[in-house]
């Protein structure tokens, strides 16, 4: 039987591989960059940055535009993204539900998961509207400033309180046990608009309210003019593993529409996806009584 190491996986990390991955992640924000800028951004010597670029280019993950000598992502990145989507159970099962949600509600629908204190947008569907909010697929946003993020933070609090196994972090390690509320209470929260919940105490209070009402809202807290509502997705163990959201312009999603039609639509969609993943609401309710 193979021995299981007690060391954290971070101790086995290879620095060169980490730098190559950091280089790819730079292109989340920049469409094209030169060697010098990449080296400066990553804190690497220019020769080391060039060697990493050459290696990634040979493998198809990076391409260079001859006319400008700038680098951008290559087709292998897209291939990996498609492979991830095909193999990811949550994404594959969520897709038709997202499509129906966007079509029926007439607003942009997203699927997100928690990564540390950020929400990662895994998938999204646009409605047939002249005025709409854009897709955020692949984007990472601070969880405290979005409806998806607040739903996921509230879900993580519930997961820990029920003793459910937490998801692994990006480093492959599971988070240390403890109160997420206590961790958030001491956090410094970025402010994006006047409505952002940048006060940690008020954020924790809102997360408690989210747990009670079953959904979270974003009243122009990340971007002026944008409003969202999100509900949690649970697996067979009742653990919150993701969330679905609806987002749209404030002129259509006033507070009444957000808390009524939009909230009802997104909670119903999240419940349908949870059921497909094996979650039984009645059984979970009985177990918690």
C-alpha atoms as a PDB file:
ATOM      1  CA  UNK A   1       0.000   0.000   0.000  1.00  0.00           C
ATOM      2  CA  UNK A   2       1.421   3.417  -0.972  1.00  0.00           C
ATOM      3  CA  UNK A   3       2.443   5.685   1.864  1.00  0.00           C
ATOM      4  CA  UNK A   4       0.672   9.011   2.215  1.00  0.00           C
ATOM      5  CA  UNK A   5       2.994  11.921   2.947  1.00  0.00           C
ATOM      6  CA  UNK A   6       2.085  14.211   5.829  1.00  0.00           C
ATOM      7  CA  UNK A   7       3.922  17.138   4.243  1.00  0.00           C
ATOM      8  CA  UNK A   8       1.880  19.914   2.602  1.00  0.00           C
ATOM      9  CA  UNK A   9       1.955  19.750  -1.187  1.00  0.00           C
ATOM     10  CA  UNK A  10       3.478  23.214  -1.335  1.00  0.00           C
ATOM     11  CA  UNK A  11       6.777  21.706  -0.148  1.00  0.00           C
ATOM     12  CA  UNK A  12       6.988  19.668  -3.356  1.00  0.00           C
ATOM     13  CA  UNK A  13       6.389  22.614  -5.684  1.00  0.00           C
ATOM     14  CA  UNK A  14       8.924  23.133  -8.487  1.00  0.00           C
ATOM     15  CA  UNK A  15       9.743  26.830  -8.822  1.00  0.00           C
ATOM     16  CA  UNK A  16      10.264  26.776 -12.599  1.00  0.00           C
ATOM     17  CA  UNK A  17       6.863  25.163 -13.150  1.00  0.00           C
ATOM     18  CA  UNK A  18       5.261  27.662 -10.768  1.00  0.00           C
ATOM     19  CA  UNK A  19       6.809  30.540 -12.710  1.00  0.00           C
ATOM     20  CA  UNK A  20       5.541  29.124 -16.013  1.00  0.00           C
ATOM     21  CA  UNK A  21       2.017  28.896 -14.610  1.00  0.00           C
ATOM     22  CA  UNK A  22       2.271  32.414 -13.182  1.00  0.00           C
ATOM     23  CA  UNK A  23       3.289  33.589 -16.644  1.00  0.00           C
ATOM     24  CA  UNK A  24       0.194  32.039 -18.211  1.00  0.00           C
ATOM     25  CA  UNK A  25      -2.009  33.604 -15.529  1.00  0.00           C
ATOM     26  CA  UNK A  26      -0.739  37.085 -16.445  1.00  0.00           C
ATOM     27  CA  UNK A  27      -2.752  36.757 -19.647  1.00  0.00           C
ATOM     28  CA  UNK A  28      -5.979  36.719 -17.627  1.00  0.00           C
ATOM     29  CA  UNK A  29      -5.579  40.490 -17.570  1.00  0.00           C
ATOM     30  CA  UNK A  30      -3.374  41.248 -20.583  1.00  0.00           C
ATOM     31  CA  UNK A  31      -4.063  40.150 -24.151  1.00  0.00           C
ATOM     32  CA  UNK A  32      -0.458  40.619 -25.316  1.00  0.00           C
ATOM     33  CA  UNK A  33       2.837  41.357 -23.570  1.00  0.00           C
ATOM     34  CA  UNK A  34       6.532  41.604 -24.387  1.00  0.00           C
ATOM     35  CA  UNK A  35       9.406  39.800 -22.700  1.00  0.00           C
ATOM     36  CA  UNK A  36      10.572  42.791 -20.661  1.00  0.00           C
ATOM     37  CA  UNK A  37       7.101  43.567 -19.301  1.00  0.00           C
ATOM     38  CA  UNK A  38       6.494  39.919 -18.418  1.00  0.00           C
ATOM     39  CA  UNK A  39       9.839  39.680 -16.642  1.00  0.00           C
ATOM     40  CA  UNK A  40       9.088  42.852 -14.689  1.00  0.00           C
ATOM     41  CA  UNK A  41       5.561  41.700 -13.787  1.00  0.00           C
ATOM     42  CA  UNK A  42       6.803  38.325 -12.514  1.00  0.00           C
ATOM     43  CA  UNK A  43       9.976  39.576 -10.880  1.00  0.00           C
ATOM     44  CA  UNK A  44      12.183  37.432 -13.137  1.00  0.00           C
ATOM     45  CA  UNK A  45      15.405  38.077 -15.030  1.00  0.00           C
ATOM     46  CA  UNK A  46      14.671  38.816 -18.689  1.00  0.00           C
ATOM     47  CA  UNK A  47      16.649  35.744 -19.841  1.00  0.00           C
ATOM     48  CA  UNK A  48      14.638  33.474 -17.537  1.00  0.00           C
ATOM     49  CA  UNK A  49      11.375  34.956 -18.800  1.00  0.00           C
ATOM     50  CA  UNK A  50      12.469  34.415 -22.402  1.00  0.00           C
ATOM     51  CA  UNK A  51      13.348  30.762 -21.717  1.00  0.00           C
ATOM     52  CA  UNK A  52       9.941  30.170 -20.143  1.00  0.00           C
ATOM     53  CA  UNK A  53       8.226  31.823 -23.110  1.00  0.00           C
ATOM     54  CA  UNK A  54      10.227  29.721 -25.574  1.00  0.00           C
ATOM     55  CA  UNK A  55       9.292  26.518 -23.743  1.00  0.00           C
ATOM     56  CA  UNK A  56       5.600  27.421 -23.596  1.00  0.00           C
ATOM     57  CA  UNK A  57       5.646  28.491 -27.246  1.00  0.00           C
ATOM     58  CA  UNK A  58       7.105  25.149 -28.356  1.00  0.00           C
ATOM     59  CA  UNK A  59       4.314  23.363 -26.455  1.00  0.00           C
ATOM     60  CA  UNK A  60       1.619  25.558 -28.034  1.00  0.00           C
ATOM     61  CA  UNK A  61       0.541  27.399 -24.878  1.00  0.00           C
ATOM     62  CA  UNK A  62       2.045  30.712 -26.004  1.00  0.00           C
ATOM     63  CA  UNK A  63       2.279  32.336 -29.444  1.00  0.00           C
ATOM     64  CA  UNK A  64       4.230  35.358 -30.690  1.00  0.00           C
ATOM     65  CA  UNK A  65       2.930  37.964 -33.116  1.00  0.00           C
ATOM     66  CA  UNK A  66       5.812  38.451 -35.614  1.00  0.00           C
ATOM     67  CA  UNK A  67       4.938  42.054 -36.478  1.00  0.00           C
ATOM     68  CA  UNK A  68       4.985  43.273 -32.864  1.00  0.00           C
ATOM     69  CA  UNK A  69       7.087  40.540 -31.189  1.00  0.00           C
ATOM     70  CA  UNK A  70       4.482  40.481 -28.424  1.00  0.00           C
ATOM     71  CA  UNK A  71       3.261  37.213 -26.898  1.00  0.00           C
ATOM     72  CA  UNK A  72      -0.282  35.960 -26.352  1.00  0.00           C
ATOM     73  CA  UNK A  73      -2.000  32.715 -25.318  1.00  0.00           C
ATOM     74  CA  UNK A  74      -1.819  29.807 -27.761  1.00  0.00           C
ATOM     75  CA  UNK A  75      -4.466  27.275 -28.885  1.00  0.00           C
ATOM     76  CA  UNK A  76      -3.404  24.636 -26.359  1.00  0.00           C
ATOM     77  CA  UNK A  77      -4.893  26.804 -23.611  1.00  0.00           C
ATOM     78  CA  UNK A  78      -8.271  26.712 -25.336  1.00  0.00           C
ATOM     79  CA  UNK A  79      -8.000  22.948 -25.798  1.00  0.00           C
ATOM     80  CA  UNK A  80      -7.328  22.504 -22.094  1.00  0.00           C
ATOM     81  CA  UNK A  81     -10.311  24.701 -21.266  1.00  0.00           C
ATOM     82  CA  UNK A  82     -12.593  22.548 -23.409  1.00  0.00           C
ATOM     83  CA  UNK A  83     -11.157  19.383 -21.853  1.00  0.00           C
ATOM     84  CA  UNK A  84     -11.811  20.772 -18.372  1.00  0.00           C
ATOM     85  CA  UNK A  85     -15.414  21.581 -19.287  1.00  0.00           C
ATOM     86  CA  UNK A  86     -15.978  18.069 -20.688  1.00  0.00           C
ATOM     87  CA  UNK A  87     -14.581  16.370 -17.592  1.00  0.00           C
ATOM     88  CA  UNK A  88     -16.111  18.683 -14.983  1.00  0.00           C
ATOM     89  CA  UNK A  89     -19.363  17.105 -13.764  1.00  0.00           C
ATOM     90  CA  UNK A  90     -20.654  20.329 -12.250  1.00  0.00           C
ATOM     91  CA  UNK A  91     -20.155  22.277 -15.481  1.00  0.00           C
ATOM     92  CA  UNK A  92     -21.600  19.624 -17.766  1.00  0.00           C
ATOM     93  CA  UNK A  93     -24.725  19.211 -15.651  1.00  0.00           C
ATOM     94  CA  UNK A  94     -25.110  22.932 -15.073  1.00  0.00           C
ATOM     95  CA  UNK A  95     -24.967  23.955 -18.736  1.00  0.00           C
ATOM     96  CA  UNK A  96     -28.569  23.110 -19.777  1.00  0.00           C
ATOM     97  CA  UNK A  97     -29.886  24.582 -16.533  1.00  0.00           C
ATOM     98  CA  UNK A  98     -27.923  27.789 -17.138  1.00  0.00           C
ATOM     99  CA  UNK A  99     -29.301  28.010 -20.675  1.00  0.00           C
ATOM    100  CA  UNK A 100     -32.884  27.589 -19.454  1.00  0.00           C
ATOM    101  CA  UNK A 101     -32.364  30.064 -16.602  1.00  0.00           C
ATOM    102  CA  UNK A 102     -31.015  32.764 -18.935  1.00  0.00           C
ATOM    103  CA  UNK A 103     -33.767  32.130 -21.478  1.00  0.00           C
ATOM    104  CA  UNK A 104     -36.657  32.119 -18.983  1.00  0.00           C
ATOM    105  CA  UNK A 105     -35.437  35.000 -16.810  1.00  0.00           C
ATOM    106  CA  UNK A 106     -34.091  37.112 -19.674  1.00  0.00           C
ATOM    107  CA  UNK A 107     -30.901  37.936 -17.775  1.00  0.00           C
ATOM    108  CA  UNK A 108     -27.278  36.735 -17.826  1.00  0.00           C
ATOM    109  CA  UNK A 109     -26.741  33.469 -15.924  1.00  0.00           C
ATOM    110  CA  UNK A 110     -23.453  32.324 -14.371  1.00  0.00           C
ATOM    111  CA  UNK A 111     -22.037  29.308 -12.545  1.00  0.00           C
ATOM    112  CA  UNK A 112     -19.332  30.045  -9.964  1.00  0.00           C
ATOM    113  CA  UNK A 113     -17.183  28.289  -7.361  1.00  0.00           C
ATOM    114  CA  UNK A 114     -15.164  29.554  -4.418  1.00  0.00           C
ATOM    115  CA  UNK A 115     -11.363  29.697  -4.558  1.00  0.00           C
ATOM    116  CA  UNK A 116      -9.934  31.131  -1.374  1.00  0.00           C
ATOM    117  CA  UNK A 117     -11.716  34.462  -0.976  1.00  0.00           C
ATOM    118  CA  UNK A 118     -12.472  34.817  -4.680  1.00  0.00           C
ATOM    119  CA  UNK A 119     -15.294  33.560  -6.840  1.00  0.00           C
ATOM    120  CA  UNK A 120     -14.289  31.902 -10.126  1.00  0.00           C
ATOM    121  CA  UNK A 121     -16.845  32.114 -12.939  1.00  0.00           C
ATOM    122  CA  UNK A 122     -16.813  28.690 -14.602  1.00  0.00           C
ATOM    123  CA  UNK A 123     -19.559  29.181 -17.175  1.00  0.00           C
ATOM    124  CA  UNK A 124     -22.199  31.639 -18.285  1.00  0.00           C
ATOM    125  CA  UNK A 125     -25.032  32.172 -20.754  1.00  0.00           C
ATOM    126  CA  UNK A 126     -26.291  35.416 -22.276  1.00  0.00           C
ATOM    127  CA  UNK A 127     -30.028  36.080 -22.803  1.00  0.00           C
ATOM    128  CA  UNK A 128     -31.619  37.561 -25.894  1.00  0.00           C
ATOM    129  CA  UNK A 129     -31.679  41.177 -24.753  1.00  0.00           C
ATOM    130  CA  UNK A 130     -30.559  44.403 -26.394  1.00  0.00           C
ATOM    131  CA  UNK A 131     -29.255  45.721 -23.067  1.00  0.00           C
ATOM    132  CA  UNK A 132     -27.499  43.091 -20.968  1.00  0.00           C
ATOM    133  CA  UNK A 133     -24.551  42.404 -18.681  1.00  0.00           C
ATOM    134  CA  UNK A 134     -21.521  40.691 -20.186  1.00  0.00           C
ATOM    135  CA  UNK A 135     -20.132  37.268 -19.433  1.00  0.00           C
ATOM    136  CA  UNK A 136     -17.452  36.870 -16.771  1.00  0.00           C
ATOM    137  CA  UNK A 137     -16.407  33.325 -17.669  1.00  0.00           C
ATOM    138  CA  UNK A 138     -12.868  32.705 -16.427  1.00  0.00           C
ATOM    139  CA  UNK A 139     -12.852  35.836 -14.260  1.00  0.00           C
ATOM    140  CA  UNK A 140     -11.924  35.878 -10.579  1.00  0.00           C
ATOM    141  CA  UNK A 141     -13.617  38.501  -8.419  1.00  0.00           C
ATOM    142  CA  UNK A 142     -13.496  39.268  -4.706  1.00  0.00           C
ATOM    143  CA  UNK A 143     -16.236  37.159  -3.166  1.00  0.00           C
ATOM    144  CA  UNK A 144     -17.432  39.810  -0.706  1.00  0.00           C
ATOM    145  CA  UNK A 145     -18.451  42.158  -3.541  1.00  0.00           C
ATOM    146  CA  UNK A 146     -20.613  39.760  -5.597  1.00  0.00           C
ATOM    147  CA  UNK A 147     -23.837  37.802  -5.123  1.00  0.00           C
ATOM    148  CA  UNK A 148     -22.134  34.586  -6.243  1.00  0.00           C
ATOM    149  CA  UNK A 149     -19.282  35.171  -3.823  1.00  0.00           C
ATOM    150  CA  UNK A 150     -21.482  35.962  -0.837  1.00  0.00           C
ATOM    151  CA  UNK A 151     -23.569  32.862  -1.522  1.00  0.00           C
ATOM    152  CA  UNK A 152     -20.404  30.751  -1.619  1.00  0.00           C
ATOM    153  CA  UNK A 153     -18.950  32.333   1.530  1.00  0.00           C
ATOM    154  CA  UNK A 154     -22.219  31.680   3.375  1.00  0.00           C
ATOM    155  CA  UNK A 155     -22.114  28.126   2.029  1.00  0.00           C
ATOM    156  CA  UNK A 156     -18.556  27.618   3.266  1.00  0.00           C
ATOM    157  CA  UNK A 157     -19.603  28.768   6.733  1.00  0.00           C
ATOM    158  CA  UNK A 158     -22.408  26.189   6.642  1.00  0.00           C
ATOM    159  CA  UNK A 159     -20.054  23.487   5.356  1.00  0.00           C
ATOM    160  CA  UNK A 160     -17.669  24.033   8.254  1.00  0.00           C
ATOM    161  CA  UNK A 161     -20.422  24.201  10.864  1.00  0.00           C
ATOM    162  CA  UNK A 162     -21.780  20.844   9.655  1.00  0.00           C
ATOM    163  CA  UNK A 163     -18.310  19.308   9.623  1.00  0.00           C
ATOM    164  CA  UNK A 164     -18.452  18.680   5.868  1.00  0.00           C
ATOM    165  CA  UNK A 165     -15.168  18.152   4.048  1.00  0.00           C
ATOM    166  CA  UNK A 166     -13.979  21.462   2.518  1.00  0.00           C
ATOM    167  CA  UNK A 167     -12.893  21.710  -1.088  1.00  0.00           C
ATOM    168  CA  UNK A 168      -9.168  21.768  -1.820  1.00  0.00           C
ATOM    169  CA  UNK A 169      -7.478  25.108  -2.355  1.00  0.00           C
ATOM    170  CA  UNK A 170      -5.620  26.026  -5.541  1.00  0.00           C
ATOM    171  CA  UNK A 171      -2.408  24.713  -3.922  1.00  0.00           C
ATOM    172  CA  UNK A 172      -3.965  21.286  -3.452  1.00  0.00           C
ATOM    173  CA  UNK A 173      -4.214  21.665   0.316  1.00  0.00           C
ATOM    174  CA  UNK A 174      -7.438  21.675   2.312  1.00  0.00           C
ATOM    175  CA  UNK A 175      -8.121  24.823   4.338  1.00  0.00           C
ATOM    176  CA  UNK A 176      -7.379  24.694   8.040  1.00  0.00           C
ATOM    177  CA  UNK A 177     -10.457  24.004  10.177  1.00  0.00           C
ATOM    178  CA  UNK A 178     -11.923  26.928  12.068  1.00  0.00           C
ATOM    179  CA  UNK A 179     -14.521  29.642  11.899  1.00  0.00           C
ATOM    180  CA  UNK A 180     -14.694  31.380   8.537  1.00  0.00           C
ATOM    181  CA  UNK A 181     -16.673  34.128  10.232  1.00  0.00           C
ATOM    182  CA  UNK A 182     -13.703  34.812  12.530  1.00  0.00           C
ATOM    183  CA  UNK A 183     -11.331  34.832   9.541  1.00  0.00           C
ATOM    184  CA  UNK A 184     -13.539  37.292   7.659  1.00  0.00           C
ATOM    185  CA  UNK A 185     -13.970  39.511  10.720  1.00  0.00           C
ATOM    186  CA  UNK A 186     -10.278  40.343  10.596  1.00  0.00           C
ATOM    187  CA  UNK A 187     -10.033  40.671   6.814  1.00  0.00           C
ATOM    188  CA  UNK A 188      -9.337  43.837   4.831  1.00  0.00           C
ATOM    189  CA  UNK A 189     -12.025  44.149   2.170  1.00  0.00           C
ATOM    190  CA  UNK A 190     -11.569  46.126  -1.047  1.00  0.00           C
ATOM    191  CA  UNK A 191     -14.178  48.759  -1.884  1.00  0.00           C
ATOM    192  CA  UNK A 192     -15.337  48.884  -5.530  1.00  0.00           C
ATOM    193  CA  UNK A 193     -18.368  51.176  -5.272  1.00  0.00           C
ATOM    194  CA  UNK A 194     -20.133  53.173  -2.570  1.00  0.00           C
ATOM    195  CA  UNK A 195     -22.372  50.134  -2.017  1.00  0.00           C
ATOM    196  CA  UNK A 196     -19.556  47.585  -1.474  1.00  0.00           C
ATOM    197  CA  UNK A 197     -19.650  45.816   1.892  1.00  0.00           C
ATOM    198  CA  UNK A 198     -16.125  46.778   2.908  1.00  0.00           C
ATOM    199  CA  UNK A 199     -16.938  46.519   6.628  1.00  0.00           C
ATOM    200  CA  UNK A 200     -16.078  42.957   7.738  1.00  0.00           C
ATOM    201  CA  UNK A 201     -18.627  42.955  10.587  1.00  0.00           C
ATOM    202  CA  UNK A 202     -21.457  43.974   8.260  1.00  0.00           C
ATOM    203  CA  UNK A 203     -20.349  41.352   5.734  1.00  0.00           C
ATOM    204  CA  UNK A 204     -20.566  38.578   8.340  1.00  0.00           C
ATOM    205  CA  UNK A 205     -24.038  39.821   9.332  1.00  0.00           C
ATOM    206  CA  UNK A 206     -25.151  39.706   5.699  1.00  0.00           C
ATOM    207  CA  UNK A 207     -23.762  36.187   5.251  1.00  0.00           C
ATOM    208  CA  UNK A 208     -25.908  35.038   8.169  1.00  0.00           C
ATOM    209  CA  UNK A 209     -28.932  36.604   6.470  1.00  0.00           C
ATOM    210  CA  UNK A 210     -27.993  34.844   3.206  1.00  0.00           C
ATOM    211  CA  UNK A 211     -28.052  31.498   5.013  1.00  0.00           C
ATOM    212  CA  UNK A 212     -31.569  32.221   6.287  1.00  0.00           C
ATOM    213  CA  UNK A 213     -33.118  33.512   3.047  1.00  0.00           C
ATOM    214  CA  UNK A 214     -31.353  31.030   0.765  1.00  0.00           C
ATOM    215  CA  UNK A 215     -29.905  33.535  -1.700  1.00  0.00           C
ATOM    216  CA  UNK A 216     -27.624  36.571  -1.872  1.00  0.00           C
ATOM    217  CA  UNK A 217     -27.887  39.842  -3.760  1.00  0.00           C
ATOM    218  CA  UNK A 218     -25.423  42.343  -5.201  1.00  0.00           C
ATOM    219  CA  UNK A 219     -26.901  45.842  -5.326  1.00  0.00           C
ATOM    220  CA  UNK A 220     -24.283  47.533  -7.502  1.00  0.00           C
ATOM    221  CA  UNK A 221     -21.591  46.469  -5.019  1.00  0.00           C
ATOM    222  CA  UNK A 222     -18.992  45.497  -7.613  1.00  0.00           C
ATOM    223  CA  UNK A 223     -19.979  47.660 -10.570  1.00  0.00           C
ATOM    224  CA  UNK A 224     -22.333  50.666 -10.790  1.00  0.00           C
ATOM    225  CA  UNK A 225     -25.529  49.845 -12.631  1.00  0.00           C
ATOM    226  CA  UNK A 226     -25.123  46.056 -12.224  1.00  0.00           C
ATOM    227  CA  UNK A 227     -27.316  43.973  -9.921  1.00  0.00           C
ATOM    228  CA  UNK A 228     -27.210  40.239  -9.241  1.00  0.00           C
ATOM    229  CA  UNK A 229     -28.878  37.490  -7.253  1.00  0.00           C
ATOM    230  CA  UNK A 230     -27.363  34.049  -6.557  1.00  0.00           C
ATOM    231  CA  UNK A 231     -28.312  30.768  -4.876  1.00  0.00           C
ATOM    232  CA  UNK A 232     -26.216  27.810  -3.642  1.00  0.00           C
ATOM    233  CA  UNK A 233     -25.694  24.458  -5.360  1.00  0.00           C
ATOM    234  CA  UNK A 234     -25.230  21.399  -3.112  1.00  0.00           C
ATOM    235  CA  UNK A 235     -23.924  17.900  -3.763  1.00  0.00           C
ATOM    236  CA  UNK A 236     -25.177  14.575  -2.384  1.00  0.00           C
ATOM    237  CA  UNK A 237     -23.475  15.220   0.977  1.00  0.00           C
ATOM    238  CA  UNK A 238     -25.313  18.570   1.310  1.00  0.00           C
ATOM    239  CA  UNK A 239     -22.018  20.462   0.902  1.00  0.00           C
ATOM    240  CA  UNK A 240     -22.263  23.774  -0.978  1.00  0.00           C
ATOM    241  CA  UNK A 241     -19.976  23.284  -3.981  1.00  0.00           C
ATOM    242  CA  UNK A 242     -21.017  26.134  -6.255  1.00  0.00           C
ATOM    243  CA  UNK A 243     -23.660  28.746  -6.983  1.00  0.00           C
ATOM    244  CA  UNK A 244     -25.825  30.010  -9.833  1.00  0.00           C
ATOM    245  CA  UNK A 245     -26.571  33.679 -10.446  1.00  0.00           C
ATOM    246  CA  UNK A 246     -28.640  36.043 -12.534  1.00  0.00           C
ATOM    247  CA  UNK A 247     -27.262  39.490 -13.320  1.00  0.00           C
ATOM    248  CA  UNK A 248     -28.670  42.431 -15.197  1.00  0.00           C
ATOM    249  CA  UNK A 249     -28.868  46.216 -15.384  1.00  0.00           C
ATOM    250  CA  UNK A 250     -30.316  48.029 -12.386  1.00  0.00           C
ATOM    251  CA  UNK A 251     -32.984  49.612 -14.596  1.00  0.00           C
ATOM    252  CA  UNK A 252     -34.556  46.143 -15.036  1.00  0.00           C
ATOM    253  CA  UNK A 253     -33.580  44.531 -11.749  1.00  0.00           C
ATOM    254  CA  UNK A 254     -35.022  46.880  -9.160  1.00  0.00           C
ATOM    255  CA  UNK A 255     -35.110  45.512  -5.608  1.00  0.00           C
ATOM    256  CA  UNK A 256     -38.631  44.137  -6.009  1.00  0.00           C
ATOM    257  CA  UNK A 257     -37.733  42.225  -9.195  1.00  0.00           C
ATOM    258  CA  UNK A 258     -34.463  41.055  -7.662  1.00  0.00           C
ATOM    259  CA  UNK A 259     -36.045  39.655  -4.487  1.00  0.00           C
ATOM    260  CA  UNK A 260     -39.102  38.219  -6.213  1.00  0.00           C
ATOM    261  CA  UNK A 261     -38.958  36.918  -9.793  1.00  0.00           C
ATOM    262  CA  UNK A 262     -35.164  36.793 -10.141  1.00  0.00           C
ATOM    263  CA  UNK A 263     -34.585  35.224  -6.707  1.00  0.00           C
ATOM    264  CA  UNK A 264     -37.303  32.639  -7.323  1.00  0.00           C
ATOM    265  CA  UNK A 265     -35.869  31.740 -10.726  1.00  0.00           C
ATOM    266  CA  UNK A 266     -32.263  31.350  -9.548  1.00  0.00           C
ATOM    267  CA  UNK A 267     -33.150  29.392  -6.392  1.00  0.00           C
ATOM    268  CA  UNK A 268     -35.316  27.020  -8.442  1.00  0.00           C
ATOM    269  CA  UNK A 269     -32.486  26.522 -10.953  1.00  0.00           C
ATOM    270  CA  UNK A 270     -29.950  25.921  -8.150  1.00  0.00           C
ATOM    271  CA  UNK A 271     -32.310  23.421  -6.531  1.00  0.00           C
ATOM    272  CA  UNK A 272     -32.720  21.581  -9.855  1.00  0.00           C
ATOM    273  CA  UNK A 273     -28.951  21.356 -10.319  1.00  0.00           C
ATOM    274  CA  UNK A 274     -28.475  20.223  -6.706  1.00  0.00           C
ATOM    275  CA  UNK A 275     -31.043  17.463  -7.258  1.00  0.00           C
ATOM    276  CA  UNK A 276     -29.157  16.282 -10.350  1.00  0.00           C
ATOM    277  CA  UNK A 277     -25.999  16.111  -8.222  1.00  0.00           C
ATOM    278  CA  UNK A 278     -27.765  13.849  -5.711  1.00  0.00           C
ATOM    279  CA  UNK A 279     -28.816  16.370  -3.075  1.00  0.00           C
ATOM    280  CA  UNK A 280     -32.082  15.539  -1.328  1.00  0.00           C
ATOM    281  CA  UNK A 281     -33.471  18.587   0.418  1.00  0.00           C
ATOM    282  CA  UNK A 282     -35.980  16.661   2.536  1.00  0.00           C
ATOM    283  CA  UNK A 283     -33.321  14.223   3.802  1.00  0.00           C
ATOM    284  CA  UNK A 284     -30.936  17.071   4.600  1.00  0.00           C
ATOM    285  CA  UNK A 285     -33.677  18.907   6.505  1.00  0.00           C
ATOM    286  CA  UNK A 286     -34.487  15.799   8.553  1.00  0.00           C
ATOM    287  CA  UNK A 287     -30.828  15.258   9.393  1.00  0.00           C
ATOM    288  CA  UNK A 288     -30.415  18.835  10.635  1.00  0.00           C
ATOM    289  CA  UNK A 289     -33.452  18.705  12.986  1.00  0.00           C
END
